[in-house]
N, C-alpha and C. Protein backbone atom coordinates (compact mmCIF):
# COMPACT_ATOMS: atom_id res chain seq x y z
N MET A 1 -17.02 14.95 -4.49
CA MET A 1 -15.70 14.36 -4.61
C MET A 1 -14.95 15.09 -5.73
N ALA A 2 -13.77 15.61 -5.38
CA ALA A 2 -12.94 16.28 -6.38
C ALA A 2 -12.39 15.22 -7.34
N ASP A 3 -12.18 15.60 -8.56
CA ASP A 3 -11.72 14.60 -9.52
C ASP A 3 -10.25 14.79 -9.91
N THR A 4 -9.55 15.65 -9.22
CA THR A 4 -8.17 15.90 -9.60
C THR A 4 -7.30 16.16 -8.38
N LEU A 5 -6.04 15.86 -8.52
CA LEU A 5 -5.07 16.14 -7.47
C LEU A 5 -4.13 17.26 -7.89
N VAL A 6 -4.56 18.07 -8.84
CA VAL A 6 -3.79 19.25 -9.23
C VAL A 6 -4.15 20.37 -8.26
N VAL A 7 -3.14 20.91 -7.60
CA VAL A 7 -3.36 21.93 -6.57
C VAL A 7 -2.71 23.24 -7.00
N HIS A 8 -3.48 24.32 -6.94
CA HIS A 8 -2.95 25.66 -7.24
C HIS A 8 -2.17 26.15 -6.02
N VAL A 9 -0.91 26.52 -6.23
CA VAL A 9 -0.05 26.93 -5.12
C VAL A 9 0.60 28.29 -5.34
N GLY A 10 0.07 29.06 -6.27
CA GLY A 10 0.65 30.38 -6.56
C GLY A 10 0.72 31.26 -5.33
N ASP A 11 -0.31 31.24 -4.49
CA ASP A 11 -0.32 32.08 -3.29
C ASP A 11 0.76 31.63 -2.30
N LEU A 12 1.03 30.35 -2.22
CA LEU A 12 2.07 29.86 -1.32
C LEU A 12 3.47 30.24 -1.79
N LEU A 13 3.68 30.17 -3.10
CA LEU A 13 5.00 30.45 -3.64
C LEU A 13 5.42 31.90 -3.41
N LYS A 14 4.45 32.77 -3.24
CA LYS A 14 4.76 34.20 -3.02
C LYS A 14 5.12 34.48 -1.57
N ARG A 15 4.76 33.55 -0.65
CA ARG A 15 5.02 33.79 0.78
C ARG A 15 5.63 32.54 1.42
N PRO A 16 6.96 32.43 1.40
CA PRO A 16 7.61 31.27 2.03
C PRO A 16 7.20 31.14 3.49
N GLY A 17 7.02 29.89 3.92
CA GLY A 17 6.64 29.63 5.30
C GLY A 17 5.14 29.47 5.52
N THR A 18 4.35 29.69 4.47
CA THR A 18 2.91 29.55 4.61
C THR A 18 2.50 28.11 4.32
N ARG A 19 1.34 27.77 4.85
CA ARG A 19 0.83 26.39 4.73
C ARG A 19 -0.59 26.42 4.18
N LYS A 20 -0.94 25.31 3.51
CA LYS A 20 -2.29 25.18 2.96
C LYS A 20 -2.74 23.73 3.11
N PRO A 21 -3.79 23.49 3.91
CA PRO A 21 -4.30 22.12 4.02
C PRO A 21 -5.16 21.76 2.80
N ILE A 22 -5.03 20.54 2.34
CA ILE A 22 -5.78 20.06 1.17
C ILE A 22 -6.46 18.75 1.53
N HIS A 23 -7.73 18.64 1.24
CA HIS A 23 -8.47 17.38 1.41
C HIS A 23 -9.14 17.08 0.08
N ARG A 24 -8.85 15.92 -0.48
CA ARG A 24 -9.46 15.51 -1.75
C ARG A 24 -9.83 14.04 -1.68
N GLU A 25 -10.88 13.69 -2.42
CA GLU A 25 -11.24 12.29 -2.64
C GLU A 25 -11.24 12.09 -4.14
N VAL A 26 -10.36 11.23 -4.60
CA VAL A 26 -10.18 11.02 -6.04
C VAL A 26 -10.16 9.54 -6.35
N VAL A 27 -10.38 9.23 -7.61
CA VAL A 27 -10.29 7.85 -8.08
C VAL A 27 -8.94 7.70 -8.78
N VAL A 28 -8.15 6.74 -8.33
CA VAL A 28 -6.86 6.43 -8.93
C VAL A 28 -6.92 4.97 -9.34
N ASP A 29 -7.23 4.71 -10.59
CA ASP A 29 -7.39 3.34 -11.08
C ASP A 29 -6.05 2.70 -11.44
N GLY A 30 -6.08 1.38 -11.49
CA GLY A 30 -4.92 0.62 -11.96
C GLY A 30 -3.82 0.46 -10.93
N VAL A 31 -4.15 0.53 -9.64
CA VAL A 31 -3.13 0.36 -8.60
C VAL A 31 -3.20 -1.07 -8.10
N GLU A 32 -2.12 -1.83 -8.33
CA GLU A 32 -2.06 -3.20 -7.84
C GLU A 32 -0.62 -3.64 -7.71
N VAL A 33 -0.42 -4.60 -6.82
CA VAL A 33 0.91 -5.16 -6.60
C VAL A 33 0.74 -6.58 -6.09
N ALA A 34 1.51 -7.50 -6.60
CA ALA A 34 1.52 -8.91 -6.17
C ALA A 34 0.12 -9.44 -5.88
N GLY A 35 -0.23 -9.60 -4.61
CA GLY A 35 -1.50 -10.23 -4.25
C GLY A 35 -2.62 -9.28 -3.88
N SER A 36 -2.47 -7.99 -4.10
CA SER A 36 -3.54 -7.06 -3.73
C SER A 36 -3.67 -5.91 -4.74
N ARG A 37 -4.87 -5.29 -4.71
CA ARG A 37 -5.17 -4.22 -5.67
C ARG A 37 -6.22 -3.30 -5.09
N MET A 38 -6.29 -2.10 -5.62
CA MET A 38 -7.38 -1.19 -5.25
C MET A 38 -8.53 -1.44 -6.20
N PRO A 39 -9.77 -1.52 -5.68
CA PRO A 39 -10.92 -1.74 -6.56
C PRO A 39 -11.08 -0.57 -7.54
N GLU A 40 -11.55 -0.88 -8.74
CA GLU A 40 -11.80 0.16 -9.73
C GLU A 40 -12.85 1.14 -9.21
N LYS A 41 -12.66 2.38 -9.47
CA LYS A 41 -13.59 3.48 -9.10
C LYS A 41 -13.71 3.70 -7.60
N ALA A 42 -12.82 3.10 -6.81
CA ALA A 42 -12.86 3.31 -5.36
C ALA A 42 -12.16 4.63 -5.03
N PRO A 43 -12.72 5.42 -4.11
CA PRO A 43 -12.11 6.70 -3.79
C PRO A 43 -10.86 6.56 -2.92
N VAL A 44 -9.88 7.38 -3.21
CA VAL A 44 -8.68 7.51 -2.39
C VAL A 44 -8.83 8.83 -1.65
N VAL A 45 -8.76 8.78 -0.33
CA VAL A 45 -8.89 10.00 0.47
C VAL A 45 -7.49 10.53 0.72
N VAL A 46 -7.24 11.76 0.29
CA VAL A 46 -5.93 12.39 0.41
C VAL A 46 -6.05 13.60 1.32
N ASP A 47 -5.31 13.59 2.43
CA ASP A 47 -5.25 14.71 3.35
C ASP A 47 -3.79 15.12 3.47
N VAL A 48 -3.47 16.32 2.98
CA VAL A 48 -2.10 16.79 3.01
C VAL A 48 -2.05 18.25 3.45
N VAL A 49 -0.85 18.65 3.82
CA VAL A 49 -0.56 20.06 4.08
C VAL A 49 0.58 20.42 3.14
N VAL A 50 0.35 21.45 2.32
CA VAL A 50 1.38 21.94 1.41
C VAL A 50 2.02 23.14 2.09
N GLU A 51 3.36 23.09 2.22
CA GLU A 51 4.07 24.17 2.90
C GLU A 51 5.11 24.76 1.96
N SER A 52 5.14 26.08 1.91
CA SER A 52 6.05 26.78 1.02
C SER A 52 7.41 26.96 1.68
N MET A 53 8.45 26.65 0.92
CA MET A 53 9.83 26.90 1.35
C MET A 53 10.33 28.04 0.46
N SER A 54 11.60 28.37 0.53
CA SER A 54 12.11 29.49 -0.27
C SER A 54 12.03 29.22 -1.76
N ASP A 55 12.35 27.99 -2.19
CA ASP A 55 12.30 27.70 -3.63
C ASP A 55 11.65 26.35 -3.93
N SER A 56 10.91 25.81 -2.97
CA SER A 56 10.25 24.52 -3.17
C SER A 56 9.03 24.44 -2.26
N LEU A 57 8.33 23.31 -2.37
CA LEU A 57 7.16 23.04 -1.53
C LEU A 57 7.33 21.66 -0.91
N THR A 58 6.88 21.51 0.33
CA THR A 58 6.82 20.18 0.92
C THR A 58 5.35 19.79 1.02
N VAL A 59 5.08 18.56 0.73
CA VAL A 59 3.73 18.02 0.82
C VAL A 59 3.79 16.89 1.84
N SER A 60 3.12 17.10 2.97
CA SER A 60 3.11 16.12 4.06
C SER A 60 1.68 15.67 4.30
N GLY A 61 1.51 14.39 4.56
CA GLY A 61 0.16 13.92 4.86
C GLY A 61 0.01 12.44 4.65
N ALA A 62 -1.21 12.07 4.29
CA ALA A 62 -1.52 10.65 4.13
C ALA A 62 -2.58 10.45 3.06
N ALA A 63 -2.58 9.27 2.49
CA ALA A 63 -3.61 8.85 1.55
C ALA A 63 -4.15 7.52 2.06
N GLU A 64 -5.46 7.38 2.00
CA GLU A 64 -6.10 6.17 2.49
C GLU A 64 -6.99 5.62 1.39
N ALA A 65 -6.87 4.31 1.15
CA ALA A 65 -7.63 3.70 0.07
C ALA A 65 -8.03 2.27 0.42
N PRO A 66 -9.17 1.83 -0.07
CA PRO A 66 -9.55 0.43 0.13
C PRO A 66 -8.72 -0.47 -0.77
N TRP A 67 -8.53 -1.70 -0.33
CA TRP A 67 -7.83 -2.68 -1.17
C TRP A 67 -8.52 -4.03 -1.07
N MET A 68 -8.28 -4.84 -2.08
CA MET A 68 -8.81 -6.21 -2.13
C MET A 68 -7.65 -7.13 -2.51
N GLY A 69 -7.77 -8.37 -2.09
CA GLY A 69 -6.72 -9.31 -2.44
C GLY A 69 -7.13 -10.73 -2.11
N THR A 70 -6.18 -11.62 -2.23
CA THR A 70 -6.38 -13.03 -1.94
C THR A 70 -5.44 -13.42 -0.81
N CYS A 71 -5.99 -14.05 0.22
CA CYS A 71 -5.17 -14.51 1.34
C CYS A 71 -4.12 -15.48 0.80
N ARG A 72 -2.90 -15.29 1.19
CA ARG A 72 -1.81 -16.12 0.66
C ARG A 72 -1.83 -17.54 1.19
N ARG A 73 -2.59 -17.80 2.26
CA ARG A 73 -2.63 -19.15 2.81
C ARG A 73 -3.90 -19.92 2.45
N CYS A 74 -5.08 -19.28 2.57
CA CYS A 74 -6.33 -20.02 2.34
C CYS A 74 -7.02 -19.62 1.03
N LEU A 75 -6.50 -18.65 0.33
CA LEU A 75 -6.98 -18.20 -0.98
C LEU A 75 -8.37 -17.55 -0.94
N ARG A 76 -8.84 -17.11 0.22
CA ARG A 76 -10.10 -16.37 0.32
C ARG A 76 -9.89 -14.94 -0.16
N GLU A 77 -10.96 -14.37 -0.74
CA GLU A 77 -10.93 -12.96 -1.09
C GLU A 77 -11.06 -12.15 0.19
N ILE A 78 -10.18 -11.18 0.37
CA ILE A 78 -10.21 -10.34 1.56
C ILE A 78 -10.11 -8.88 1.15
N ALA A 79 -10.43 -8.00 2.08
CA ALA A 79 -10.39 -6.56 1.80
C ALA A 79 -9.90 -5.83 3.05
N GLY A 80 -9.42 -4.64 2.84
CA GLY A 80 -8.94 -3.82 3.94
C GLY A 80 -8.75 -2.39 3.50
N THR A 81 -8.10 -1.61 4.33
CA THR A 81 -7.81 -0.22 4.01
C THR A 81 -6.31 -0.02 4.15
N ALA A 82 -5.71 0.55 3.13
CA ALA A 82 -4.27 0.84 3.15
C ALA A 82 -4.08 2.32 3.42
N THR A 83 -3.13 2.64 4.28
CA THR A 83 -2.81 4.03 4.58
C THR A 83 -1.35 4.27 4.26
N ALA A 84 -1.09 5.31 3.48
CA ALA A 84 0.27 5.68 3.13
C ALA A 84 0.55 7.06 3.70
N GLU A 85 1.56 7.16 4.53
CA GLU A 85 1.98 8.46 5.05
C GLU A 85 3.23 8.87 4.30
N PHE A 86 3.35 10.16 4.01
CA PHE A 86 4.46 10.62 3.20
C PHE A 86 4.83 12.06 3.51
N ARG A 87 6.01 12.42 3.09
CA ARG A 87 6.52 13.80 3.13
C ARG A 87 7.40 13.92 1.90
N GLU A 88 6.94 14.68 0.93
CA GLU A 88 7.64 14.79 -0.35
C GLU A 88 7.94 16.26 -0.68
N VAL A 89 8.94 16.46 -1.52
CA VAL A 89 9.36 17.80 -1.93
C VAL A 89 9.05 17.99 -3.41
N TYR A 90 8.47 19.14 -3.72
CA TYR A 90 8.21 19.54 -5.10
C TYR A 90 9.06 20.77 -5.38
N GLU A 91 9.78 20.75 -6.52
CA GLU A 91 10.61 21.90 -6.89
C GLU A 91 10.65 22.07 -8.40
N ARG A 92 11.05 23.25 -8.82
CA ARG A 92 11.04 23.58 -10.26
C ARG A 92 12.03 22.73 -11.06
N HIS A 93 13.13 22.35 -10.46
CA HIS A 93 14.13 21.51 -11.13
C HIS A 93 14.30 20.24 -10.30
N PRO A 94 13.37 19.29 -10.47
CA PRO A 94 13.39 18.09 -9.64
C PRO A 94 14.58 17.18 -9.93
N VAL A 95 15.00 16.47 -8.89
CA VAL A 95 16.06 15.48 -9.01
C VAL A 95 15.37 14.13 -9.19
N GLU A 96 15.69 13.44 -10.26
CA GLU A 96 15.06 12.15 -10.58
C GLU A 96 15.10 11.20 -9.40
N GLY A 97 13.93 10.71 -9.00
CA GLY A 97 13.82 9.76 -7.93
C GLY A 97 13.89 10.34 -6.52
N GLU A 98 14.10 11.65 -6.40
CA GLU A 98 14.21 12.26 -5.08
C GLU A 98 13.14 13.32 -4.83
N THR A 99 12.85 14.14 -5.84
CA THR A 99 11.84 15.19 -5.68
C THR A 99 10.88 15.16 -6.86
N TRP A 100 9.77 15.89 -6.73
CA TRP A 100 8.71 15.91 -7.73
C TRP A 100 8.68 17.26 -8.43
N PRO A 101 8.14 17.32 -9.66
CA PRO A 101 8.15 18.58 -10.41
C PRO A 101 7.10 19.59 -9.95
N LEU A 102 7.52 20.85 -9.88
CA LEU A 102 6.64 21.98 -9.61
C LEU A 102 6.53 22.73 -10.93
N LYS A 103 5.34 22.73 -11.52
CA LYS A 103 5.15 23.32 -12.84
C LYS A 103 4.29 24.58 -12.72
N GLY A 104 4.92 25.71 -12.94
CA GLY A 104 4.18 26.98 -12.85
C GLY A 104 3.67 27.20 -11.45
N ASP A 105 2.39 27.48 -11.33
CA ASP A 105 1.76 27.73 -10.04
C ASP A 105 0.95 26.52 -9.56
N GLN A 106 1.29 25.33 -10.09
CA GLN A 106 0.52 24.15 -9.73
C GLN A 106 1.42 22.96 -9.42
N VAL A 107 0.92 22.09 -8.54
CA VAL A 107 1.57 20.80 -8.32
C VAL A 107 0.53 19.73 -8.60
N ASP A 108 0.96 18.68 -9.25
CA ASP A 108 0.08 17.56 -9.54
C ASP A 108 0.51 16.41 -8.63
N LEU A 109 -0.34 16.08 -7.67
CA LEU A 109 -0.04 15.05 -6.68
C LEU A 109 -0.38 13.64 -7.16
N THR A 110 -0.95 13.51 -8.36
CA THR A 110 -1.47 12.23 -8.83
C THR A 110 -0.43 11.11 -8.83
N GLU A 111 0.70 11.32 -9.46
CA GLU A 111 1.70 10.25 -9.57
C GLU A 111 2.32 9.92 -8.22
N MET A 112 2.50 10.94 -7.39
CA MET A 112 3.05 10.71 -6.06
C MET A 112 2.08 9.86 -5.23
N VAL A 113 0.78 10.19 -5.29
CA VAL A 113 -0.23 9.43 -4.54
C VAL A 113 -0.32 8.01 -5.08
N ARG A 114 -0.26 7.85 -6.40
CA ARG A 114 -0.29 6.51 -6.98
C ARG A 114 0.90 5.68 -6.49
N GLU A 115 2.08 6.26 -6.49
CA GLU A 115 3.28 5.55 -6.04
C GLU A 115 3.18 5.18 -4.56
N GLU A 116 2.71 6.11 -3.75
CA GLU A 116 2.57 5.84 -2.32
C GLU A 116 1.50 4.77 -2.06
N ALA A 117 0.42 4.78 -2.85
CA ALA A 117 -0.64 3.78 -2.71
C ALA A 117 -0.12 2.38 -3.03
N VAL A 118 0.68 2.26 -4.07
CA VAL A 118 1.27 0.97 -4.43
C VAL A 118 2.15 0.47 -3.29
N LEU A 119 2.94 1.36 -2.70
CA LEU A 119 3.83 0.96 -1.61
C LEU A 119 3.06 0.57 -0.34
N ALA A 120 1.85 1.09 -0.18
CA ALA A 120 1.05 0.79 1.01
C ALA A 120 0.26 -0.51 0.90
N LEU A 121 0.07 -1.02 -0.32
CA LEU A 121 -0.68 -2.27 -0.49
C LEU A 121 0.10 -3.45 0.09
N PRO A 122 -0.59 -4.39 0.74
CA PRO A 122 0.13 -5.56 1.27
C PRO A 122 0.63 -6.46 0.13
N LEU A 123 1.88 -6.89 0.23
CA LEU A 123 2.45 -7.75 -0.80
C LEU A 123 1.95 -9.18 -0.70
N ALA A 124 1.72 -9.65 0.52
CA ALA A 124 1.26 -11.02 0.74
C ALA A 124 0.16 -10.96 1.81
N PRO A 125 -1.05 -10.57 1.42
CA PRO A 125 -2.11 -10.37 2.41
C PRO A 125 -2.55 -11.66 3.10
N LEU A 126 -2.96 -11.50 4.35
CA LEU A 126 -3.50 -12.60 5.14
C LEU A 126 -4.89 -12.22 5.63
N CYS A 127 -5.81 -13.18 5.65
CA CYS A 127 -7.15 -12.92 6.16
C CYS A 127 -7.11 -12.70 7.67
N GLN A 128 -6.19 -13.38 8.35
CA GLN A 128 -5.95 -13.20 9.78
C GLN A 128 -4.54 -13.69 10.05
N ASP A 129 -3.92 -13.17 11.09
CA ASP A 129 -2.53 -13.53 11.37
C ASP A 129 -2.32 -15.02 11.60
N ASP A 130 -3.31 -15.68 12.19
CA ASP A 130 -3.16 -17.11 12.47
C ASP A 130 -3.91 -18.00 11.48
N CYS A 131 -4.04 -17.54 10.24
CA CYS A 131 -4.71 -18.33 9.21
C CYS A 131 -4.00 -19.68 9.05
N LEU A 132 -4.78 -20.76 9.07
CA LEU A 132 -4.22 -22.10 8.97
C LEU A 132 -4.00 -22.55 7.52
N GLY A 133 -4.61 -21.87 6.57
CA GLY A 133 -4.41 -22.20 5.17
C GLY A 133 -5.15 -23.43 4.71
N LEU A 134 -4.73 -23.95 3.57
CA LEU A 134 -5.34 -25.13 2.97
C LEU A 134 -4.54 -26.38 3.31
N CYS A 135 -5.23 -27.49 3.44
CA CYS A 135 -4.57 -28.77 3.69
C CYS A 135 -3.81 -29.17 2.42
N PRO A 136 -2.53 -29.50 2.55
CA PRO A 136 -1.76 -29.87 1.36
C PRO A 136 -2.15 -31.22 0.77
N GLU A 137 -2.88 -32.05 1.54
CA GLU A 137 -3.28 -33.35 1.04
C GLU A 137 -4.63 -33.33 0.33
N CYS A 138 -5.65 -32.68 0.96
CA CYS A 138 -6.99 -32.72 0.37
C CYS A 138 -7.50 -31.36 -0.10
N GLY A 139 -6.81 -30.29 0.26
CA GLY A 139 -7.22 -28.96 -0.19
C GLY A 139 -8.29 -28.30 0.64
N ALA A 140 -8.69 -28.90 1.75
CA ALA A 140 -9.73 -28.32 2.61
C ALA A 140 -9.20 -27.08 3.31
N ASP A 141 -10.10 -26.12 3.55
CA ASP A 141 -9.74 -24.91 4.28
C ASP A 141 -9.66 -25.28 5.76
N ARG A 142 -8.47 -25.28 6.33
CA ARG A 142 -8.27 -25.72 7.71
C ARG A 142 -8.81 -24.72 8.72
N ASN A 143 -9.21 -23.52 8.29
CA ASN A 143 -9.84 -22.55 9.18
C ASN A 143 -11.29 -22.93 9.46
N GLU A 144 -11.90 -23.65 8.54
CA GLU A 144 -13.32 -23.98 8.66
C GLU A 144 -13.57 -25.31 9.37
N ASP A 145 -12.76 -26.32 9.07
CA ASP A 145 -12.94 -27.61 9.73
C ASP A 145 -11.64 -28.42 9.68
N ASP A 146 -11.57 -29.42 10.54
CA ASP A 146 -10.40 -30.28 10.62
C ASP A 146 -10.62 -31.47 9.68
N CYS A 147 -9.79 -31.57 8.67
CA CYS A 147 -9.95 -32.65 7.69
C CYS A 147 -9.34 -33.95 8.19
N GLY A 148 -8.60 -33.92 9.29
CA GLY A 148 -8.03 -35.13 9.86
C GLY A 148 -6.62 -35.45 9.40
N HIS A 149 -6.12 -34.74 8.42
CA HIS A 149 -4.76 -35.00 7.95
C HIS A 149 -3.76 -34.34 8.89
N THR A 150 -2.67 -35.05 9.16
CA THR A 150 -1.61 -34.46 9.96
C THR A 150 -0.64 -33.77 9.03
N LEU A 151 -0.06 -32.74 9.52
CA LEU A 151 0.84 -31.96 8.67
C LEU A 151 2.27 -32.09 9.14
N VAL A 152 2.73 -33.32 9.24
CA VAL A 152 4.10 -33.57 9.65
C VAL A 152 4.94 -33.65 8.37
N ALA A 153 5.86 -32.75 8.29
CA ALA A 153 6.72 -32.74 7.11
C ALA A 153 7.87 -33.71 7.35
N GLU A 154 7.87 -34.81 6.64
CA GLU A 154 8.91 -35.81 6.79
C GLU A 154 9.77 -35.82 5.54
N ASP A 155 11.04 -35.84 5.77
CA ASP A 155 12.00 -35.87 4.67
C ASP A 155 12.74 -37.20 4.76
N PRO A 156 12.54 -38.10 3.78
CA PRO A 156 13.15 -39.44 3.85
C PRO A 156 14.68 -39.38 3.92
N ARG A 157 15.28 -38.31 3.51
CA ARG A 157 16.73 -38.21 3.56
C ARG A 157 17.25 -38.14 5.00
N TRP A 158 16.40 -37.74 5.94
CA TRP A 158 16.78 -37.63 7.34
C TRP A 158 16.24 -38.78 8.19
N ALA A 159 15.56 -39.73 7.60
CA ALA A 159 14.91 -40.82 8.33
C ALA A 159 15.89 -41.63 9.19
N ALA A 160 17.12 -41.81 8.75
CA ALA A 160 18.11 -42.57 9.52
C ALA A 160 18.39 -41.92 10.87
N LEU A 161 18.26 -40.61 10.97
CA LEU A 161 18.51 -39.91 12.23
C LEU A 161 17.42 -40.21 13.26
N ASP A 162 16.24 -40.61 12.81
CA ASP A 162 15.16 -40.94 13.74
C ASP A 162 15.49 -42.19 14.55
N GLN A 163 16.38 -43.03 14.06
CA GLN A 163 16.73 -44.28 14.72
C GLN A 163 17.83 -44.09 15.77
N LEU A 164 18.46 -42.93 15.81
CA LEU A 164 19.54 -42.70 16.76
C LEU A 164 19.00 -42.62 18.17
N LYS A 165 19.72 -43.23 19.10
CA LYS A 165 19.37 -43.20 20.52
C LYS A 165 20.59 -42.70 21.29
N PHE A 166 20.37 -41.76 22.16
CA PHE A 166 21.45 -41.23 22.99
C PHE A 166 21.25 -41.67 24.43
N ASP A 167 22.33 -42.06 25.12
CA ASP A 167 22.24 -42.52 26.52
C ASP A 167 22.36 -41.38 27.47
């Protein structure tokens, strides 16, 4: 497993239009957002193609990483794999928020991969699409058993409308 996302691109910069495939497995710690996070020391698999342009490089590909989180409905710990696909530009004079810096004969993909990984993590993870969640009355996990409570949301402010009869 490679330990860095710094890629030597001197050969590409000399020949516009050339491509170089890159495959790396690196650890990118400290990636988390809202209800999910990447486990510490978990490998991020990065597969990209670096392509030389006349005065810049494009980096196209994907990063795949495991994630862990808490189901937003039943509060169970869950895990999955997040995939981030991207196409980014690296240039010697980057535009803030639009392109990434090209320093000498190297590009450092670390911050770009970290940013893409954060964007790929689920903000409100679910253990399954039809998760029933917890019972609001007794706290039982409704996916495991029926606690017998009905989940009718009644608002006393609208109770008078229940008495209306139409002919």
